[in-house]
N, C-alpha and C. Protein backbone atom coordinates (compact mmCIF):
# COMPACT_ATOMS: atom_id res chain seq x y z
N MET A 1 -4.85 10.51 -0.40
CA MET A 1 -4.16 11.66 0.16
C MET A 1 -2.75 11.26 0.55
N LEU A 2 -1.78 12.02 0.15
CA LEU A 2 -0.40 11.73 0.49
C LEU A 2 -0.03 12.45 1.78
N VAL A 3 0.69 11.75 2.63
CA VAL A 3 1.12 12.32 3.90
C VAL A 3 2.54 12.82 3.73
N THR A 4 2.76 14.09 4.03
CA THR A 4 4.10 14.65 3.87
C THR A 4 4.55 15.41 5.11
N ASN A 5 3.97 15.06 6.26
CA ASN A 5 4.42 15.69 7.49
C ASN A 5 4.73 14.61 8.51
N ASN A 6 4.75 14.91 9.77
CA ASN A 6 5.18 13.97 10.79
C ASN A 6 4.04 13.18 11.41
N LEU A 7 2.97 12.93 10.70
CA LEU A 7 1.89 12.10 11.21
C LEU A 7 2.37 10.66 11.37
N HIS A 8 1.61 9.88 12.13
CA HIS A 8 1.95 8.48 12.35
C HIS A 8 1.99 7.73 11.02
N ARG A 9 3.04 6.95 10.84
CA ARG A 9 3.22 6.21 9.59
C ARG A 9 3.44 4.74 9.93
N PRO A 10 2.39 3.94 9.82
CA PRO A 10 2.50 2.53 10.21
C PRO A 10 3.57 1.76 9.43
N LEU A 11 4.42 1.08 10.16
CA LEU A 11 5.43 0.17 9.62
C LEU A 11 6.39 0.88 8.66
N GLU A 12 6.74 2.11 8.96
CA GLU A 12 7.61 2.90 8.10
C GLU A 12 9.01 2.31 8.02
N VAL A 13 9.56 2.34 6.81
CA VAL A 13 10.96 1.96 6.58
C VAL A 13 11.66 3.12 5.88
N GLU A 14 12.97 3.13 6.01
CA GLU A 14 13.77 4.19 5.40
C GLU A 14 15.04 3.59 4.83
N ILE A 15 15.45 4.10 3.67
CA ILE A 15 16.72 3.68 3.09
C ILE A 15 17.46 4.91 2.56
N VAL A 16 18.78 4.81 2.60
CA VAL A 16 19.63 5.78 1.94
C VAL A 16 19.78 5.29 0.51
N ILE A 17 19.55 6.18 -0.44
CA ILE A 17 19.54 5.80 -1.85
C ILE A 17 20.74 6.41 -2.56
N PRO A 18 21.64 5.58 -3.05
CA PRO A 18 22.75 6.13 -3.82
C PRO A 18 22.30 6.51 -5.22
N VAL A 19 22.72 7.67 -5.68
CA VAL A 19 22.44 8.07 -7.06
C VAL A 19 23.62 7.60 -7.89
N ARG A 20 23.36 6.80 -8.89
CA ARG A 20 24.40 6.22 -9.75
C ARG A 20 24.52 7.01 -11.05
N THR A 21 25.65 6.91 -11.67
CA THR A 21 25.84 7.63 -12.94
C THR A 21 24.83 7.18 -13.99
N TYR A 22 24.44 5.91 -13.97
CA TYR A 22 23.47 5.43 -14.96
C TYR A 22 22.03 5.84 -14.63
N ASP A 23 21.81 6.50 -13.48
CA ASP A 23 20.49 7.03 -13.13
C ASP A 23 20.23 8.39 -13.77
N ILE A 24 21.26 9.00 -14.29
CA ILE A 24 21.19 10.37 -14.78
C ILE A 24 20.82 10.39 -16.26
N ASP A 25 19.90 11.31 -16.63
CA ASP A 25 19.53 11.43 -18.04
C ASP A 25 20.38 12.50 -18.73
N PHE A 26 20.07 12.79 -19.97
CA PHE A 26 20.86 13.74 -20.76
C PHE A 26 20.84 15.15 -20.17
N ALA A 27 19.86 15.49 -19.35
CA ALA A 27 19.77 16.82 -18.74
C ALA A 27 20.56 16.92 -17.43
N GLY A 28 21.17 15.79 -17.01
CA GLY A 28 21.97 15.80 -15.79
C GLY A 28 21.18 15.59 -14.52
N ILE A 29 19.93 15.14 -14.64
CA ILE A 29 19.11 14.85 -13.47
C ILE A 29 18.68 13.38 -13.50
N VAL A 30 18.22 12.89 -12.34
CA VAL A 30 17.76 11.51 -12.25
C VAL A 30 16.54 11.33 -13.15
N SER A 31 16.59 10.30 -13.97
CA SER A 31 15.49 9.98 -14.88
C SER A 31 14.25 9.56 -14.09
N ASN A 32 13.08 9.92 -14.58
CA ASN A 32 11.83 9.60 -13.88
C ASN A 32 11.67 8.11 -13.62
N ILE A 33 12.11 7.27 -14.53
CA ILE A 33 11.94 5.82 -14.37
C ILE A 33 12.74 5.28 -13.19
N VAL A 34 13.81 5.96 -12.81
CA VAL A 34 14.64 5.52 -11.69
C VAL A 34 13.85 5.55 -10.39
N TYR A 35 12.93 6.49 -10.25
CA TYR A 35 12.12 6.57 -9.04
C TYR A 35 11.30 5.30 -8.84
N ILE A 36 10.87 4.70 -9.93
CA ILE A 36 10.11 3.45 -9.85
C ILE A 36 10.99 2.35 -9.26
N ARG A 37 12.24 2.28 -9.68
CA ARG A 37 13.18 1.31 -9.10
C ARG A 37 13.40 1.58 -7.62
N TRP A 38 13.51 2.85 -7.26
CA TRP A 38 13.70 3.19 -5.85
C TRP A 38 12.48 2.78 -5.02
N LEU A 39 11.29 2.94 -5.58
CA LEU A 39 10.09 2.49 -4.87
C LEU A 39 10.11 0.98 -4.67
N GLU A 40 10.60 0.26 -5.66
CA GLU A 40 10.75 -1.20 -5.53
C GLU A 40 11.73 -1.53 -4.41
N ASP A 41 12.85 -0.80 -4.35
CA ASP A 41 13.81 -1.00 -3.27
C ASP A 41 13.17 -0.76 -1.91
N LEU A 42 12.35 0.27 -1.82
CA LEU A 42 11.66 0.56 -0.56
C LEU A 42 10.67 -0.55 -0.19
N ARG A 43 9.91 -1.04 -1.18
CA ARG A 43 8.96 -2.13 -0.89
C ARG A 43 9.69 -3.40 -0.47
N LEU A 44 10.84 -3.68 -1.08
CA LEU A 44 11.63 -4.86 -0.67
C LEU A 44 12.15 -4.69 0.76
N LYS A 45 12.55 -3.49 1.12
CA LYS A 45 12.97 -3.21 2.51
C LYS A 45 11.78 -3.43 3.45
N PHE A 46 10.61 -2.96 3.03
CA PHE A 46 9.40 -3.16 3.82
C PHE A 46 9.15 -4.65 4.04
N LEU A 47 9.25 -5.43 2.98
CA LEU A 47 9.04 -6.87 3.10
C LEU A 47 10.11 -7.50 3.99
N ASP A 48 11.36 -7.09 3.86
CA ASP A 48 12.42 -7.63 4.71
C ASP A 48 12.14 -7.39 6.19
N GLU A 49 11.59 -6.23 6.50
CA GLU A 49 11.36 -5.88 7.90
C GLU A 49 10.03 -6.36 8.45
N HIS A 50 9.01 -6.45 7.60
CA HIS A 50 7.66 -6.66 8.13
C HIS A 50 6.91 -7.88 7.62
N TRP A 51 7.21 -8.37 6.45
CA TRP A 51 6.44 -9.49 5.91
C TRP A 51 7.28 -10.22 4.87
N HIS A 52 8.18 -11.07 5.35
CA HIS A 52 9.19 -11.71 4.51
C HIS A 52 8.59 -12.40 3.29
N LEU A 53 9.23 -12.16 2.17
CA LEU A 53 8.75 -12.67 0.89
C LEU A 53 8.90 -14.20 0.80
N GLY A 54 9.99 -14.76 1.33
CA GLY A 54 10.23 -16.20 1.25
C GLY A 54 9.07 -17.04 1.76
N PRO A 55 8.62 -16.81 3.01
CA PRO A 55 7.47 -17.58 3.51
C PRO A 55 6.19 -17.38 2.69
N GLN A 56 6.02 -16.18 2.14
CA GLN A 56 4.84 -15.95 1.30
C GLN A 56 4.87 -16.89 0.10
N LEU A 57 6.02 -16.94 -0.55
CA LEU A 57 6.17 -17.81 -1.73
C LEU A 57 5.97 -19.27 -1.36
N GLU A 58 6.53 -19.68 -0.22
CA GLU A 58 6.37 -21.06 0.25
C GLU A 58 4.90 -21.40 0.50
N GLN A 59 4.13 -20.41 0.95
CA GLN A 59 2.71 -20.64 1.22
C GLN A 59 1.84 -20.45 -0.02
N GLY A 60 2.48 -20.12 -1.15
CA GLY A 60 1.73 -20.09 -2.40
C GLY A 60 1.11 -18.77 -2.79
N TYR A 61 1.56 -17.67 -2.19
CA TYR A 61 1.04 -16.37 -2.59
C TYR A 61 2.18 -15.36 -2.63
N ALA A 62 1.92 -14.22 -3.28
CA ALA A 62 2.93 -13.17 -3.38
C ALA A 62 2.25 -11.83 -3.61
N PRO A 63 2.92 -10.74 -3.22
CA PRO A 63 2.35 -9.41 -3.47
C PRO A 63 2.52 -9.02 -4.94
N ILE A 64 1.54 -8.30 -5.43
CA ILE A 64 1.65 -7.74 -6.78
C ILE A 64 1.34 -6.24 -6.70
N LEU A 65 1.87 -5.53 -7.64
CA LEU A 65 1.65 -4.09 -7.73
C LEU A 65 0.57 -3.83 -8.76
N ALA A 66 -0.46 -3.07 -8.37
CA ALA A 66 -1.57 -2.78 -9.28
C ALA A 66 -1.51 -1.36 -9.84
N GLY A 67 -0.77 -0.48 -9.19
CA GLY A 67 -0.70 0.89 -9.69
C GLY A 67 0.28 1.74 -8.93
N THR A 68 0.83 2.72 -9.62
CA THR A 68 1.76 3.66 -9.03
C THR A 68 1.37 5.07 -9.45
N GLN A 69 1.33 5.96 -8.48
CA GLN A 69 1.11 7.37 -8.75
C GLN A 69 2.28 8.11 -8.11
N ILE A 70 2.96 8.94 -8.88
CA ILE A 70 4.12 9.66 -8.36
C ILE A 70 4.05 11.11 -8.81
N GLU A 71 4.44 11.98 -7.91
CA GLU A 71 4.49 13.40 -8.20
C GLU A 71 5.91 13.88 -7.93
N TYR A 72 6.54 14.41 -8.95
CA TYR A 72 7.91 14.89 -8.85
C TYR A 72 7.89 16.35 -8.39
N LYS A 73 8.60 16.63 -7.30
CA LYS A 73 8.59 17.97 -6.71
C LYS A 73 9.82 18.79 -7.08
N ARG A 74 10.98 18.12 -7.18
CA ARG A 74 12.22 18.82 -7.51
C ARG A 74 13.18 17.81 -8.11
N PRO A 75 14.06 18.26 -8.98
CA PRO A 75 15.01 17.33 -9.61
C PRO A 75 16.07 16.85 -8.62
N ILE A 76 16.57 15.66 -8.87
CA ILE A 76 17.67 15.09 -8.10
C ILE A 76 18.86 14.95 -9.04
N LYS A 77 20.04 15.34 -8.55
CA LYS A 77 21.26 15.29 -9.35
C LYS A 77 22.23 14.27 -8.77
N LEU A 78 23.28 14.01 -9.49
CA LEU A 78 24.23 12.95 -9.19
C LEU A 78 24.80 13.01 -7.78
N ASN A 79 25.20 14.16 -7.30
CA ASN A 79 25.85 14.25 -5.99
C ASN A 79 24.90 14.51 -4.83
N ASP A 80 23.60 14.50 -5.08
CA ASP A 80 22.63 14.74 -4.01
C ASP A 80 22.59 13.58 -3.03
N LYS A 81 22.28 13.88 -1.79
CA LYS A 81 22.08 12.86 -0.75
C LYS A 81 20.58 12.55 -0.71
N VAL A 82 20.24 11.30 -1.02
CA VAL A 82 18.84 10.92 -1.20
C VAL A 82 18.42 9.90 -0.14
N ILE A 83 17.25 10.14 0.44
CA ILE A 83 16.66 9.23 1.42
C ILE A 83 15.24 8.94 0.98
N GLY A 84 14.84 7.67 1.08
CA GLY A 84 13.47 7.28 0.77
C GLY A 84 12.79 6.72 2.01
N ARG A 85 11.52 7.02 2.14
CA ARG A 85 10.70 6.49 3.24
C ARG A 85 9.42 5.92 2.65
N LEU A 86 8.98 4.80 3.20
CA LEU A 86 7.76 4.15 2.74
C LEU A 86 7.03 3.59 3.94
N TRP A 87 5.70 3.66 3.92
CA TRP A 87 4.89 3.12 5.01
C TRP A 87 3.58 2.58 4.45
N LEU A 88 2.97 1.70 5.23
CA LEU A 88 1.68 1.11 4.86
C LEU A 88 0.59 2.08 5.28
N SER A 89 -0.14 2.62 4.34
CA SER A 89 -1.15 3.63 4.66
C SER A 89 -2.57 3.08 4.71
N ASN A 90 -2.78 1.93 4.10
CA ASN A 90 -4.12 1.32 4.15
C ASN A 90 -3.99 -0.17 3.89
N LEU A 91 -4.79 -0.92 4.62
CA LEU A 91 -4.81 -2.38 4.46
C LEU A 91 -6.25 -2.84 4.51
N GLY A 92 -6.75 -3.27 3.37
CA GLY A 92 -8.12 -3.75 3.30
C GLY A 92 -8.16 -5.28 3.34
N ARG A 93 -9.28 -5.83 2.96
CA ARG A 93 -9.42 -7.29 2.96
C ARG A 93 -8.58 -7.92 1.86
N LEU A 94 -8.55 -7.27 0.68
CA LEU A 94 -7.82 -7.80 -0.47
C LEU A 94 -6.71 -6.88 -0.98
N LYS A 95 -6.77 -5.60 -0.64
CA LYS A 95 -5.84 -4.64 -1.22
C LYS A 95 -5.02 -3.92 -0.14
N TRP A 96 -3.83 -3.49 -0.54
CA TRP A 96 -2.97 -2.70 0.33
C TRP A 96 -2.54 -1.45 -0.41
N THR A 97 -2.20 -0.42 0.37
CA THR A 97 -1.69 0.83 -0.18
C THR A 97 -0.47 1.25 0.63
N VAL A 98 0.59 1.61 -0.07
CA VAL A 98 1.76 2.18 0.59
C VAL A 98 1.96 3.59 0.05
N GLN A 99 2.56 4.42 0.88
CA GLN A 99 2.91 5.77 0.47
C GLN A 99 4.40 5.93 0.69
N ALA A 100 4.99 6.82 -0.10
CA ALA A 100 6.44 7.02 -0.01
C ALA A 100 6.78 8.48 -0.23
N GLU A 101 7.92 8.84 0.33
CA GLU A 101 8.52 10.15 0.10
C GLU A 101 9.98 9.92 -0.25
N ILE A 102 10.47 10.73 -1.17
CA ILE A 102 11.89 10.71 -1.51
C ILE A 102 12.42 12.12 -1.29
N PHE A 103 13.46 12.19 -0.47
CA PHE A 103 14.07 13.48 -0.13
C PHE A 103 15.43 13.59 -0.79
N SER A 104 15.75 14.78 -1.24
CA SER A 104 17.07 15.08 -1.79
C SER A 104 17.64 16.25 -1.00
N ASN A 105 18.77 16.01 -0.36
CA ASN A 105 19.39 17.05 0.48
C ASN A 105 18.39 17.64 1.47
N ASN A 106 17.63 16.76 2.10
CA ASN A 106 16.62 17.09 3.12
C ASN A 106 15.44 17.90 2.59
N LYS A 107 15.24 17.93 1.29
CA LYS A 107 14.08 18.60 0.70
C LYS A 107 13.26 17.57 -0.06
N LEU A 108 11.95 17.68 0.06
CA LEU A 108 11.05 16.74 -0.59
C LEU A 108 11.21 16.81 -2.10
N ALA A 109 11.55 15.67 -2.71
CA ALA A 109 11.77 15.60 -4.15
C ALA A 109 10.65 14.87 -4.88
N ALA A 110 9.98 13.94 -4.19
CA ALA A 110 8.89 13.20 -4.84
C ALA A 110 8.01 12.56 -3.77
N ILE A 111 6.73 12.41 -4.10
CA ILE A 111 5.80 11.66 -3.26
C ILE A 111 5.11 10.63 -4.15
N ALA A 112 4.81 9.48 -3.56
CA ALA A 112 4.21 8.41 -4.36
C ALA A 112 3.21 7.61 -3.54
N THR A 113 2.26 7.04 -4.25
CA THR A 113 1.31 6.08 -3.69
C THR A 113 1.33 4.86 -4.59
N GLN A 114 1.38 3.70 -3.97
CA GLN A 114 1.31 2.45 -4.73
C GLN A 114 0.23 1.57 -4.12
N LYS A 115 -0.52 0.90 -4.99
CA LYS A 115 -1.58 0.00 -4.55
C LYS A 115 -1.29 -1.39 -5.08
N GLY A 116 -1.68 -2.37 -4.30
CA GLY A 116 -1.46 -3.74 -4.72
C GLY A 116 -2.33 -4.71 -3.97
N ALA A 117 -2.02 -5.98 -4.16
CA ALA A 117 -2.79 -7.06 -3.55
C ALA A 117 -1.85 -8.25 -3.40
N PHE A 118 -2.37 -9.33 -2.87
CA PHE A 118 -1.68 -10.61 -2.85
C PHE A 118 -2.41 -11.54 -3.80
N ILE A 119 -1.64 -12.32 -4.57
CA ILE A 119 -2.28 -13.26 -5.48
C ILE A 119 -1.79 -14.68 -5.19
N SER A 120 -2.64 -15.61 -5.52
CA SER A 120 -2.28 -17.02 -5.46
C SER A 120 -1.31 -17.31 -6.60
N LEU A 121 -0.20 -17.97 -6.29
CA LEU A 121 0.76 -18.33 -7.33
C LEU A 121 0.23 -19.49 -8.18
N GLN A 122 -0.77 -20.17 -7.68
CA GLN A 122 -1.34 -21.31 -8.40
C GLN A 122 -2.30 -20.86 -9.50
N ASN A 123 -3.17 -19.88 -9.18
CA ASN A 123 -4.18 -19.51 -10.18
C ASN A 123 -4.16 -18.02 -10.55
N GLY A 124 -3.29 -17.22 -9.92
CA GLY A 124 -3.17 -15.81 -10.25
C GLY A 124 -4.30 -14.93 -9.76
N ARG A 125 -5.16 -15.47 -8.92
CA ARG A 125 -6.29 -14.70 -8.41
C ARG A 125 -5.95 -14.07 -7.06
N PRO A 126 -6.59 -12.94 -6.74
CA PRO A 126 -6.35 -12.30 -5.45
C PRO A 126 -6.72 -13.22 -4.29
N VAL A 127 -5.94 -13.11 -3.23
CA VAL A 127 -6.22 -13.84 -2.00
C VAL A 127 -6.35 -12.82 -0.88
N PRO A 128 -7.11 -13.16 0.16
CA PRO A 128 -7.23 -12.23 1.29
C PRO A 128 -5.87 -11.95 1.92
N ILE A 129 -5.70 -10.72 2.36
CA ILE A 129 -4.47 -10.36 3.05
C ILE A 129 -4.41 -11.17 4.34
N PRO A 130 -3.27 -11.80 4.61
CA PRO A 130 -3.15 -12.67 5.78
C PRO A 130 -3.47 -11.96 7.10
N VAL A 131 -4.09 -12.70 8.00
CA VAL A 131 -4.48 -12.17 9.31
C VAL A 131 -3.27 -11.62 10.06
N LYS A 132 -2.13 -12.30 9.96
CA LYS A 132 -0.94 -11.82 10.67
C LYS A 132 -0.54 -10.42 10.21
N MET A 133 -0.71 -10.13 8.93
CA MET A 133 -0.38 -8.79 8.43
C MET A 133 -1.38 -7.78 8.96
N HIS A 134 -2.65 -8.13 8.98
CA HIS A 134 -3.67 -7.24 9.55
C HIS A 134 -3.36 -6.95 11.01
N ASN A 135 -2.97 -7.98 11.76
CA ASN A 135 -2.64 -7.80 13.17
C ASN A 135 -1.45 -6.88 13.35
N LYS A 136 -0.42 -7.07 12.55
CA LYS A 136 0.78 -6.23 12.64
C LYS A 136 0.43 -4.78 12.31
N TYR A 137 -0.38 -4.58 11.30
CA TYR A 137 -0.80 -3.23 10.92
C TYR A 137 -1.62 -2.60 12.04
N ALA A 138 -2.55 -3.35 12.62
CA ALA A 138 -3.37 -2.83 13.71
C ALA A 138 -2.51 -2.46 14.91
N GLU A 139 -1.54 -3.29 15.24
CA GLU A 139 -0.64 -2.99 16.37
C GLU A 139 0.14 -1.71 16.10
N SER A 140 0.57 -1.51 14.88
CA SER A 140 1.35 -0.32 14.55
C SER A 140 0.52 0.96 14.60
N GLN A 141 -0.79 0.82 14.52
CA GLN A 141 -1.68 1.95 14.55
C GLN A 141 -2.00 2.43 15.98
N GLN A 142 -1.73 1.58 16.96
CA GLN A 142 -2.02 1.93 18.34
C GLN A 142 -1.10 3.05 18.81
N VAL A 143 -1.68 4.03 19.46
CA VAL A 143 -0.89 5.15 19.97
C VAL A 143 -0.24 4.73 21.27
N ILE A 144 1.07 4.98 21.36
CA ILE A 144 1.82 4.61 22.57
C ILE A 144 1.91 5.78 23.51
């Protein structure tokens, strides 16, 4: 289920997304593939704020993406003001799920869900999500 209202969003991050001329297709709107890059930018922002990638790599594991589901709600054009938001919506023993929204001129333009895991860089197999990440997620779920 995608969340598109003001419900609690654990570990939410937000970025302002510039629309570049090379993002535009022949119809004058942002190409669908560009949204995938924007989701990557959002996940990198999430990692920068909540679970730094460098130490993960040093410890021999890294996040991988297992799937992306995106629903396009309205087209985005070159001069639109775009904001993306992403949050951790589920954290299991081996898998994680993030959800995202992309707004254009304050109107919902796309919603997405991405699922992934952490893998060992040595053997490519899934590893349990680190306890520190579970703790951070649990803390973010507490109502203040």
